[in-house]
């Protein structure tokens, strides 16, 4: 499975961890955002569409803000 295809699963796992109250999650959120950002750069360099990755990034950024509120 291509790495970028696994990113939604990592986001879902992070959301589940947040819902059940697993803390701290700051590092996991940071790593996820880094990986999504890395894939965005790769897609941009290959002139590939980035809409799905941008949505994942925005959602991960939102979740990170919720994690930081805890």
Protein backbone atom coordinates (compact mmCIF):
# COMPACT_ATOMS: atom_id res chain seq x y z
CA UNK A 1 0.00 0.00 0.00
CA UNK A 2 1.36 3.39 -0.96
CA UNK A 3 2.30 5.51 2.04
CA UNK A 4 -0.12 8.33 1.23
CA UNK A 5 -2.98 5.79 1.17
CA UNK A 6 -2.26 4.91 4.81
CA UNK A 7 -2.48 8.49 6.06
CA UNK A 8 -6.28 8.46 6.50
CA UNK A 9 -5.93 5.38 8.71
CA UNK A 10 -3.37 7.17 10.88
CA UNK A 11 -5.76 10.12 11.19
CA UNK A 12 -8.62 7.80 12.17
CA UNK A 13 -6.42 6.12 14.78
CA UNK A 14 -5.48 9.51 16.19
CA UNK A 15 -9.15 10.51 16.35
CA UNK A 16 -10.04 7.28 18.14
CA UNK A 17 -7.23 7.83 20.63
CA UNK A 18 -8.50 11.36 21.25
CA UNK A 19 -12.09 10.17 21.75
CA UNK A 20 -11.15 7.51 24.31
CA UNK A 21 -8.91 9.96 26.16
CA UNK A 22 -5.46 8.59 25.42
CA UNK A 23 -2.97 11.31 26.24
CA UNK A 24 -0.49 12.72 25.45
CA UNK A 25 -1.17 12.78 21.72
CA UNK A 26 0.83 15.89 20.77
CA UNK A 27 3.70 13.92 19.27
CA UNK A 28 1.41 11.66 17.23
CA UNK A 29 -0.39 14.70 15.81
CA UNK A 30 2.92 16.37 14.95
CA UNK A 31 4.19 13.26 13.16
CA UNK A 32 0.94 12.89 11.21
CA UNK A 33 1.03 16.53 10.08
CA UNK A 34 4.67 16.17 9.07
CA UNK A 35 3.92 13.06 6.99
CA UNK A 36 0.93 14.65 5.29
CA UNK A 37 3.01 17.75 4.55
CA UNK A 38 5.78 15.60 3.11
CA UNK A 39 3.31 13.87 0.81
CA UNK A 40 1.90 17.25 -0.25
CA UNK A 41 5.39 18.39 -1.25
CA UNK A 42 5.94 15.16 -3.19
CA UNK A 43 2.64 15.51 -5.05
CA UNK A 44 3.30 19.16 -5.85
CA UNK A 45 6.73 18.31 -7.24
CA UNK A 46 5.16 15.67 -9.51
CA UNK A 47 2.22 17.94 -10.47
CA UNK A 48 -0.24 15.48 -8.95
CA UNK A 49 -3.58 16.52 -7.41
CA UNK A 50 -3.44 17.38 -3.72
CA UNK A 51 -7.10 17.94 -2.79
CA UNK A 52 -7.39 14.78 -0.67
CA UNK A 53 -4.11 15.44 1.11
CA UNK A 54 -5.09 19.04 1.76
CA UNK A 55 -8.34 17.86 3.33
CA UNK A 56 -6.42 15.39 5.51
CA UNK A 57 -3.98 18.11 6.51
CA UNK A 58 -6.79 20.52 7.46
CA UNK A 59 -8.55 17.83 9.47
CA UNK A 60 -5.35 16.78 11.23
CA UNK A 61 -4.60 20.44 12.00
CA UNK A 62 -8.09 20.82 13.49
CA UNK A 63 -7.64 17.67 15.57
CA UNK A 64 -4.25 18.91 16.74
CA UNK A 65 -5.90 22.11 17.98
CA UNK A 66 -8.43 20.04 19.95
CA UNK A 67 -5.63 17.94 21.42
CA UNK A 68 -3.78 21.09 22.46
CA UNK A 69 -6.89 22.36 24.29
CA UNK A 70 -6.81 19.33 26.63
